Amino acid sequence: MRTIGLAEAKAQLSALIDAVQAGDEVVITRRGHAVARLVRDHPASQQDDALTWPQRFRRMHPASAPMTRTAVELVRELREEL
């Protein structure tokens, strides 16, 4: 893992991207404190591409309770309460 200051990172961004593509990890600091980390992006798997957005959301937020009512039902209930 490489650590580099913000000003130097600006000047060497292209080289840093090349290093990250090669598998290196770069930490960018501002005034001596780590503020960002550059890591290689991992493309989504084909399985993730086949999922609908609610399925992806549930996978990313497993603690979320499954929806038991549709949005239409919730709006009707709210209107009835008024």
PDB file of N, CA and C in Angstrom:
ATOM      1  N   MET A   1       0.860  -1.174   0.000  1.00  0.00           N
ATOM      2  CA  MET A   1       0.000   0.000   0.000  1.00  0.00           C
ATOM      3  C   MET A   1       0.900   1.228   0.000  1.00  0.00           C
ATOM      4  N   ARG A   2       0.562   2.143  -0.870  1.00  0.00           N
ATOM      5  CA  ARG A   2       1.346   3.359  -1.041  1.00  0.00           C
ATOM      6  C   ARG A   2       0.571   4.529  -0.450  1.00  0.00           C
ATOM      7  N   THR A   3       1.269   5.435   0.232  1.00  0.00           N
ATOM      8  CA  THR A   3       0.645   6.624   0.799  1.00  0.00           C
ATOM      9  C   THR A   3       1.228   7.847   0.107  1.00  0.00           C
ATOM     10  N   ILE A   4       0.353   8.775  -0.264  1.00  0.00           N
ATOM     11  CA  ILE A   4       0.798   9.945  -1.022  1.00  0.00           C
ATOM     12  C   ILE A   4      -0.026  11.159  -0.610  1.00  0.00           C
ATOM     13  N   GLY A   5       0.600  12.333  -0.589  1.00  0.00           N
ATOM     14  CA  GLY A   5      -0.095  13.571  -0.258  1.00  0.00           C
ATOM     15  C   GLY A   5      -1.002  14.017  -1.389  1.00  0.00           C
ATOM     16  N   LEU A   6      -1.973  14.842  -1.057  1.00  0.00           N
ATOM     17  CA  LEU A   6      -2.974  15.281  -2.024  1.00  0.00           C
ATOM     18  C   LEU A   6      -2.365  16.032  -3.202  1.00  0.00           C
ATOM     19  N   ALA A   7      -1.476  16.975  -2.938  1.00  0.00           N
ATOM     20  CA  ALA A   7      -0.872  17.754  -4.024  1.00  0.00           C
ATOM     21  C   ALA A   7      -0.096  16.847  -4.971  1.00  0.00           C
ATOM     22  N   GLU A   8       0.659  15.916  -4.418  1.00  0.00           N
ATOM     23  CA  GLU A   8       1.421  14.985  -5.244  1.00  0.00           C
ATOM     24  C   GLU A   8       0.478  14.055  -6.012  1.00  0.00           C
ATOM     25  N   ALA A   9      -0.620  13.655  -5.381  1.00  0.00           N
ATOM     26  CA  ALA A   9      -1.592  12.781  -6.045  1.00  0.00           C
ATOM     27  C   ALA A   9      -2.204  13.481  -7.258  1.00  0.00           C
ATOM     28  N   LYS A  10      -2.501  14.779  -7.118  1.00  0.00           N
ATOM     29  CA  LYS A  10      -3.042  15.536  -8.252  1.00  0.00           C
ATOM     30  C   LYS A  10      -2.065  15.519  -9.421  1.00  0.00           C
ATOM     31  N   ALA A  11      -0.798  15.718  -9.111  1.00  0.00           N
ATOM     32  CA  ALA A  11       0.221  15.793 -10.158  1.00  0.00           C
ATOM     33  C   ALA A  11       0.477  14.434 -10.806  1.00  0.00           C
ATOM     34  N   GLN A  12       0.239  13.356 -10.064  1.00  0.00           N
ATOM     35  CA  GLN A  12       0.574  12.016 -10.550  1.00  0.00           C
ATOM     36  C   GLN A  12      -0.651  11.122 -10.730  1.00  0.00           C
ATOM     37  N   LEU A  13      -1.810  11.702 -10.933  1.00  0.00           N
ATOM     38  CA  LEU A  13      -3.040  10.915 -10.971  1.00  0.00           C
ATOM     39  C   LEU A  13      -2.988   9.793 -12.002  1.00  0.00           C
ATOM     40  N   SER A  14      -2.506  10.081 -13.176  1.00  0.00           N
ATOM     41  CA  SER A  14      -2.455   9.056 -14.219  1.00  0.00           C
ATOM     42  C   SER A  14      -1.586   7.873 -13.785  1.00  0.00           C
ATOM     43  N   ALA A  15      -0.435   8.150 -13.190  1.00  0.00           N
ATOM     44  CA  ALA A  15       0.454   7.081 -12.715  1.00  0.00           C
ATOM     45  C   ALA A  15      -0.188   6.315 -11.565  1.00  0.00           C
ATOM     46  N   LEU A  16      -0.921   7.011 -10.703  1.00  0.00           N
ATOM     47  CA  LEU A  16      -1.598   6.335  -9.592  1.00  0.00           C
ATOM     48  C   LEU A  16      -2.678   5.394 -10.113  1.00  0.00           C
ATOM     49  N   ILE A  17      -3.421   5.828 -11.118  1.00  0.00           N
ATOM     50  CA  ILE A  17      -4.454   4.973 -11.710  1.00  0.00           C
ATOM     51  C   ILE A  17      -3.818   3.729 -12.314  1.00  0.00           C
ATOM     52  N   ASP A  18      -2.684   3.900 -12.979  1.00  0.00           N
ATOM     53  CA  ASP A  18      -1.971   2.741 -13.537  1.00  0.00           C
ATOM     54  C   ASP A  18      -1.571   1.772 -12.433  1.00  0.00           C
ATOM     55  N   ALA A  19      -1.079   2.304 -11.308  1.00  0.00           N
ATOM     56  CA  ALA A  19      -0.669   1.455 -10.187  1.00  0.00           C
ATOM     57  C   ALA A  19      -1.863   0.709  -9.606  1.00  0.00           C
ATOM     58  N   VAL A  20      -2.988   1.392  -9.495  1.00  0.00           N
ATOM     59  CA  VAL A  20      -4.195   0.763  -8.954  1.00  0.00           C
ATOM     60  C   VAL A  20      -4.694  -0.325  -9.899  1.00  0.00           C
ATOM     61  N   GLN A  21      -4.641  -0.067 -11.197  1.00  0.00           N
ATOM     62  CA  GLN A  21      -5.052  -1.086 -12.167  1.00  0.00           C
ATOM     63  C   GLN A  21      -4.169  -2.322 -12.071  1.00  0.00           C
ATOM     64  N   ALA A  22      -2.914  -2.116 -11.679  1.00  0.00           N
ATOM     65  CA  ALA A  22      -1.984  -3.236 -11.536  1.00  0.00           C
ATOM     66  C   ALA A  22      -2.188  -3.975 -10.220  1.00  0.00           C
ATOM     67  N   GLY A  23      -3.107  -3.485  -9.377  1.00  0.00           N
ATOM     68  CA  GLY A  23      -3.416  -4.178  -8.132  1.00  0.00           C
ATOM     69  C   GLY A  23      -2.915  -3.495  -6.881  1.00  0.00           C
ATOM     70  N   ASP A  24      -2.216  -2.376  -7.029  1.00  0.00           N
ATOM     71  CA  ASP A  24      -1.715  -1.648  -5.865  1.00  0.00           C
ATOM     72  C   ASP A  24      -2.862  -0.878  -5.212  1.00  0.00           C
ATOM     73  N   GLU A  25      -2.680  -0.499  -3.971  1.00  0.00           N
ATOM     74  CA  GLU A  25      -3.657   0.300  -3.244  1.00  0.00           C
ATOM     75  C   GLU A  25      -2.966   1.588  -2.848  1.00  0.00           C
ATOM     76  N   VAL A  26      -3.638   2.725  -3.024  1.00  0.00           N
ATOM     77  CA  VAL A  26      -3.033   4.023  -2.749  1.00  0.00           C
ATOM     78  C   VAL A  26      -3.898   4.770  -1.742  1.00  0.00           C
ATOM     79  N   VAL A  27      -3.254   5.278  -0.689  1.00  0.00           N
ATOM     80  CA  VAL A  27      -3.944   6.095   0.305  1.00  0.00           C
ATOM     81  C   VAL A  27      -3.523   7.541   0.076  1.00  0.00           C
ATOM     82  N   ILE A  28      -4.496   8.433  -0.038  1.00  0.00           N
ATOM     83  CA  ILE A  28      -4.220   9.851  -0.244  1.00  0.00           C
ATOM     84  C   ILE A  28      -4.434  10.569   1.082  1.00  0.00           C
ATOM     85  N   THR A  29      -3.446  11.400   1.439  1.00  0.00           N
ATOM     86  CA  THR A  29      -3.520  12.116   2.712  1.00  0.00           C
ATOM     87  C   THR A  29      -3.661  13.613   2.474  1.00  0.00           C
ATOM     88  N   ARG A  30      -4.258  14.275   3.450  1.00  0.00           N
ATOM     89  CA  ARG A  30      -4.327  15.740   3.468  1.00  0.00           C
ATOM     90  C   ARG A  30      -3.849  16.167   4.846  1.00  0.00           C
ATOM     91  N   ARG A  31      -2.791  16.938   4.851  1.00  0.00           N
ATOM     92  CA  ARG A  31      -2.168  17.398   6.103  1.00  0.00           C
ATOM     93  C   ARG A  31      -1.831  16.224   7.024  1.00  0.00           C
ATOM     94  N   GLY A  32      -1.377  15.134   6.424  1.00  0.00           N
ATOM     95  CA  GLY A  32      -0.924  13.984   7.199  1.00  0.00           C
ATOM     96  C   GLY A  32      -2.001  12.996   7.610  1.00  0.00           C
ATOM     97  N   HIS A  33      -3.247  13.286   7.297  1.00  0.00           N
ATOM     98  CA  HIS A  33      -4.346  12.392   7.670  1.00  0.00           C
ATOM     99  C   HIS A  33      -4.925  11.726   6.420  1.00  0.00           C
ATOM    100  N   ALA A  34      -5.133  10.428   6.483  1.00  0.00           N
ATOM    101  CA  ALA A  34      -5.702   9.691   5.352  1.00  0.00           C
ATOM    102  C   ALA A  34      -7.125  10.176   5.090  1.00  0.00           C
ATOM    103  N   VAL A  35      -7.406  10.538   3.830  1.00  0.00           N
ATOM    104  CA  VAL A  35      -8.740  11.027   3.479  1.00  0.00           C
ATOM    105  C   VAL A  35      -9.392  10.229   2.356  1.00  0.00           C
ATOM    106  N   ALA A  36      -8.586   9.455   1.621  1.00  0.00           N
ATOM    107  CA  ALA A  36      -9.152   8.671   0.517  1.00  0.00           C
ATOM    108  C   ALA A  36      -8.276   7.461   0.254  1.00  0.00           C
ATOM    109  N   ARG A  37      -8.900   6.455  -0.318  1.00  0.00           N
ATOM    110  CA  ARG A  37      -8.177   5.232  -0.669  1.00  0.00           C
ATOM    111  C   ARG A  37      -8.570   4.854  -2.093  1.00  0.00           C
ATOM    112  N   LEU A  38      -7.562   4.678  -2.943  1.00  0.00           N
ATOM    113  CA  LEU A  38      -7.801   4.242  -4.318  1.00  0.00           C
ATOM    114  C   LEU A  38      -7.568   2.744  -4.387  1.00  0.00           C
ATOM    115  N   VAL A  39      -8.581   2.023  -4.830  1.00  0.00           N
ATOM    116  CA  VAL A  39      -8.476   0.574  -4.991  1.00  0.00           C
ATOM    117  C   VAL A  39      -9.070   0.203  -6.337  1.00  0.00           C
ATOM    118  N   ARG A  40      -8.665  -0.921  -6.852  1.00  0.00           N
ATOM    119  CA  ARG A  40      -9.164  -1.387  -8.137  1.00  0.00           C
ATOM    120  C   ARG A  40     -10.654  -1.702  -8.032  1.00  0.00           C
ATOM    121  N   ASP A  41     -11.400  -1.301  -9.044  1.00  0.00           N
ATOM    122  CA  ASP A  41     -12.829  -1.574  -9.097  1.00  0.00           C
ATOM    123  C   ASP A  41     -13.039  -2.993  -9.603  1.00  0.00           C
ATOM    124  N   HIS A  42     -13.951  -3.706  -8.965  1.00  0.00           N
ATOM    125  CA  HIS A  42     -14.281  -5.061  -9.396  1.00  0.00           C
ATOM    126  C   HIS A  42     -15.623  -5.005 -10.101  1.00  0.00           C
ATOM    127  N   PRO A  43     -15.641  -5.328 -11.392  1.00  0.00           N
ATOM    128  CA  PRO A  43     -16.919  -5.260 -12.114  1.00  0.00           C
ATOM    129  C   PRO A  43     -17.953  -6.199 -11.508  1.00  0.00           C
ATOM    130  N   ALA A  44     -19.186  -5.781 -11.586  1.00  0.00           N
ATOM    131  CA  ALA A  44     -20.275  -6.612 -11.060  1.00  0.00           C
ATOM    132  C   ALA A  44     -20.312  -7.937 -11.811  1.00  0.00           C
ATOM    133  N   SER A  45     -20.635  -8.959 -11.092  1.00  0.00           N
ATOM    134  CA  SER A  45     -20.721 -10.274 -11.729  1.00  0.00           C
ATOM    135  C   SER A  45     -21.963 -10.337 -12.611  1.00  0.00           C
ATOM    136  N   GLN A  46     -21.994 -11.304 -13.504  1.00  0.00           N
ATOM    137  CA  GLN A  46     -23.159 -11.465 -14.371  1.00  0.00           C
ATOM    138  C   GLN A  46     -24.397 -11.782 -13.549  1.00  0.00           C
ATOM    139  N   GLN A  47     -24.197 -12.450 -12.425  1.00  0.00           N
ATOM    140  CA  GLN A  47     -25.333 -12.774 -11.566  1.00  0.00           C
ATOM    141  C   GLN A  47     -25.971 -11.485 -11.057  1.00  0.00           C
ATOM    142  N   ASP A  48     -25.151 -10.510 -10.657  1.00  0.00           N
ATOM    143  CA  ASP A  48     -25.687  -9.247 -10.176  1.00  0.00           C
ATOM    144  C   ASP A  48     -26.427  -8.504 -11.282  1.00  0.00           C
ATOM    145  N   ASP A  49     -25.941  -8.609 -12.520  1.00  0.00           N
ATOM    146  CA  ASP A  49     -26.598  -7.936 -13.633  1.00  0.00           C
ATOM    147  C   ASP A  49     -28.004  -8.470 -13.854  1.00  0.00           C
ATOM    148  N   ALA A  50     -28.212  -9.741 -13.548  1.00  0.00           N
ATOM    149  CA  ALA A  50     -29.510 -10.365 -13.785  1.00  0.00           C
ATOM    150  C   ALA A  50     -30.525 -10.013 -12.701  1.00  0.00           C
ATOM    151  N   LEU A  51     -30.077  -9.461 -11.589  1.00  0.00           N
ATOM    152  CA  LEU A  51     -30.979  -9.139 -10.487  1.00  0.00           C
ATOM    153  C   LEU A  51     -31.708  -7.827 -10.750  1.00  0.00           C
ATOM    154  N   THR A  52     -32.911  -7.740 -10.269  1.00  0.00           N
ATOM    155  CA  THR A  52     -33.638  -6.483 -10.350  1.00  0.00           C
ATOM    156  C   THR A  52     -33.103  -5.560  -9.265  1.00  0.00           C
ATOM    157  N   TRP A  53     -33.387  -4.268  -9.366  1.00  0.00           N
ATOM    158  CA  TRP A  53     -32.841  -3.352  -8.367  1.00  0.00           C
ATOM    159  C   TRP A  53     -33.338  -3.659  -6.954  1.00  0.00           C
ATOM    160  N   PRO A  54     -34.593  -4.093  -6.734  1.00  0.00           N
ATOM    161  CA  PRO A  54     -34.967  -4.436  -5.357  1.00  0.00           C
ATOM    162  C   PRO A  54     -34.156  -5.612  -4.811  1.00  0.00           C
ATOM    163  N   GLN A  55     -33.855  -6.577  -5.683  1.00  0.00           N
ATOM    164  CA  GLN A  55     -33.049  -7.715  -5.233  1.00  0.00           C
ATOM    165  C   GLN A  55     -31.644  -7.261  -4.879  1.00  0.00           C
ATOM    166  N   ARG A  56     -31.070  -6.351  -5.681  1.00  0.00           N
ATOM    167  CA  ARG A  56     -29.726  -5.847  -5.373  1.00  0.00           C
ATOM    168  C   ARG A  56     -29.755  -5.057  -4.069  1.00  0.00           C
ATOM    169  N   PHE A  57     -30.817  -4.261  -3.860  1.00  0.00           N
ATOM    170  CA  PHE A  57     -30.936  -3.483  -2.630  1.00  0.00           C
ATOM    171  C   PHE A  57     -30.996  -4.405  -1.416  1.00  0.00           C
ATOM    172  N   ARG A  58     -31.818  -5.451  -1.510  1.00  0.00           N
ATOM    173  CA  ARG A  58     -31.939  -6.386  -0.385  1.00  0.00           C
ATOM    174  C   ARG A  58     -30.620  -7.097  -0.119  1.00  0.00           C
ATOM    175  N   ARG A  59     -29.869  -7.394  -1.178  1.00  0.00           N
ATOM    176  CA  ARG A  59     -28.577  -8.050  -1.002  1.00  0.00           C
ATOM    177  C   ARG A  59     -27.597  -7.106  -0.301  1.00  0.00           C
ATOM    178  N   MET A  60     -27.661  -5.809  -0.640  1.00  0.00           N
ATOM    179  CA  MET A  60     -26.759  -4.837  -0.027  1.00  0.00           C
ATOM    180  C   MET A  60     -27.189  -4.479   1.390  1.00  0.00           C
ATOM    181  N   HIS A  61     -28.473  -4.587   1.690  1.00  0.00           N
ATOM    182  CA  HIS A  61     -29.013  -4.226   2.998  1.00  0.00           C
ATOM    183  C   HIS A  61     -29.808  -5.403   3.563  1.00  0.00           C
ATOM    184  N   PRO A  62     -29.117  -6.470   3.972  1.00  0.00           N
ATOM    185  CA  PRO A  62     -29.838  -7.674   4.402  1.00  0.00           C
ATOM    186  C   PRO A  62     -30.691  -7.472   5.645  1.00  0.00           C
ATOM    187  N   ALA A  63     -30.408  -6.456   6.451  1.00  0.00           N
ATOM    188  CA  ALA A  63     -31.190  -6.250   7.667  1.00  0.00           C
ATOM    189  C   ALA A  63     -32.558  -5.642   7.370  1.00  0.00           C
ATOM    190  N   SER A  64     -32.736  -5.146   6.168  1.00  0.00           N
ATOM    191  CA  SER A  64     -34.017  -4.546   5.811  1.00  0.00           C
ATOM    192  C   SER A  64     -35.109  -5.611   5.812  1.00  0.00           C
ATOM    193  N   ALA A  65     -36.213  -5.268   6.405  1.00  0.00           N
ATOM    194  CA  ALA A  65     -37.338  -6.202   6.434  1.00  0.00           C
ATOM    195  C   ALA A  65     -37.971  -6.272   5.052  1.00  0.00           C
ATOM    196  N   PRO A  66     -38.435  -7.431   4.664  1.00  0.00           N
ATOM    197  CA  PRO A  66     -39.095  -7.535   3.361  1.00  0.00           C
ATOM    198  C   PRO A  66     -40.385  -6.721   3.361  1.00  0.00           C
ATOM    199  N   MET A  67     -40.718  -6.163   2.224  1.00  0.00           N
ATOM    200  CA  MET A  67     -41.931  -5.353   2.122  1.00  0.00           C
ATOM    201  C   MET A  67     -43.139  -6.272   2.162  1.00  0.00           C
ATOM    202  N   THR A  68     -44.083  -5.932   3.016  1.00  0.00           N
ATOM    203  CA  THR A  68     -45.283  -6.750   3.147  1.00  0.00           C
ATOM    204  C   THR A  68     -46.474  -6.118   2.433  1.00  0.00           C
ATOM    205  N   ARG A  69     -46.346  -4.822   2.105  1.00  0.00           N
ATOM    206  CA  ARG A  69     -47.424  -4.121   1.413  1.00  0.00           C
ATOM    207  C   ARG A  69     -46.842  -3.349   0.240  1.00  0.00           C
ATOM    208  N   THR A  70     -47.661  -3.129  -0.755  1.00  0.00           N
ATOM    209  CA  THR A  70     -47.220  -2.340  -1.901  1.00  0.00           C
ATOM    210  C   THR A  70     -47.297  -0.863  -1.545  1.00  0.00           C
ATOM    211  N   ALA A  71     -46.672  -0.040  -2.358  1.00  0.00           N
ATOM    212  CA  ALA A  71     -46.718   1.401  -2.148  1.00  0.00           C
ATOM    213  C   ALA A  71     -48.151   1.916  -2.246  1.00  0.00           C
ATOM    214  N   VAL A  72     -48.913   1.342  -3.148  1.00  0.00           N
ATOM    215  CA  VAL A  72     -50.317   1.750  -3.310  1.00  0.00           C
ATOM    216  C   VAL A  72     -51.085   1.497  -2.019  1.00  0.00           C
ATOM    217  N   GLU A  73     -50.878   0.341  -1.411  1.00  0.00           N
ATOM    218  CA  GLU A  73     -51.562   0.018  -0.154  1.00  0.00           C
ATOM    219  C   GLU A  73     -51.158   0.984   0.954  1.00  0.00           C
ATOM    220  N   LEU A  74     -49.878   1.319   1.017  1.00  0.00           N
ATOM    221  CA  LEU A  74     -49.415   2.247   2.049  1.00  0.00           C
ATOM    222  C   LEU A  74     -50.025   3.632   1.862  1.00  0.00           C
ATOM    223  N   VAL A  75     -50.093   4.101   0.624  1.00  0.00           N
ATOM    224  CA  VAL A  75     -50.687   5.412   0.357  1.00  0.00           C
ATOM    225  C   VAL A  75     -52.160   5.408   0.721  1.00  0.00           C
ATOM    226  N   ARG A  76     -52.864   4.345   0.389  1.00  0.00           N
ATOM    227  CA  ARG A  76     -54.289   4.252   0.757  1.00  0.00           C
ATOM    228  C   ARG A  76     -54.461   4.319   2.269  1.00  0.00           C
ATOM    229  N   GLU A  77     -53.617   3.597   3.001  1.00  0.00           N
ATOM    230  CA  GLU A  77     -53.707   3.614   4.465  1.00  0.00           C
ATOM    231  C   GLU A  77     -53.449   5.010   5.011  1.00  0.00           C
ATOM    232  N   LEU A  78     -52.450   5.688   4.458  1.00  0.00           N
ATOM    233  CA  LEU A  78     -52.151   7.043   4.920  1.00  0.00           C
ATOM    234  C   LEU A  78     -53.306   7.991   4.633  1.00  0.00           C
ATOM    235  N   ARG A  79     -53.925   7.853   3.480  1.00  0.00           N
ATOM    236  CA  ARG A  79     -55.062   8.711   3.140  1.00  0.00           C
ATOM    237  C   ARG A  79     -56.247   8.449   4.055  1.00  0.00           C
ATOM    238  N   GLU A  80     -56.448   7.195   4.425  1.00  0.00           N
ATOM    239  CA  GLU A  80     -57.558   6.846   5.312  1.00  0.00           C
ATOM    240  C   GLU A  80     -57.353   7.432   6.702  1.00  0.00           C
ATOM    241  N   GLU A  81     -56.101   7.578   7.118  1.00  0.00           N
ATOM    242  CA  GLU A  81     -55.802   8.122   8.444  1.00  0.00           C
ATOM    243  C   GLU A  81     -56.093   9.614   8.519  1.00  0.00           C
ATOM    244  N   LEU A  82     -56.091  10.286   7.374  1.00  0.00           N
ATOM    245  CA  LEU A  82     -56.329  11.736   7.368  1.00  0.00           C
ATOM    246  C   LEU A  82     -57.758  11.996   7.504  1.00  0.00           C
TER     247      LEU A  82
END
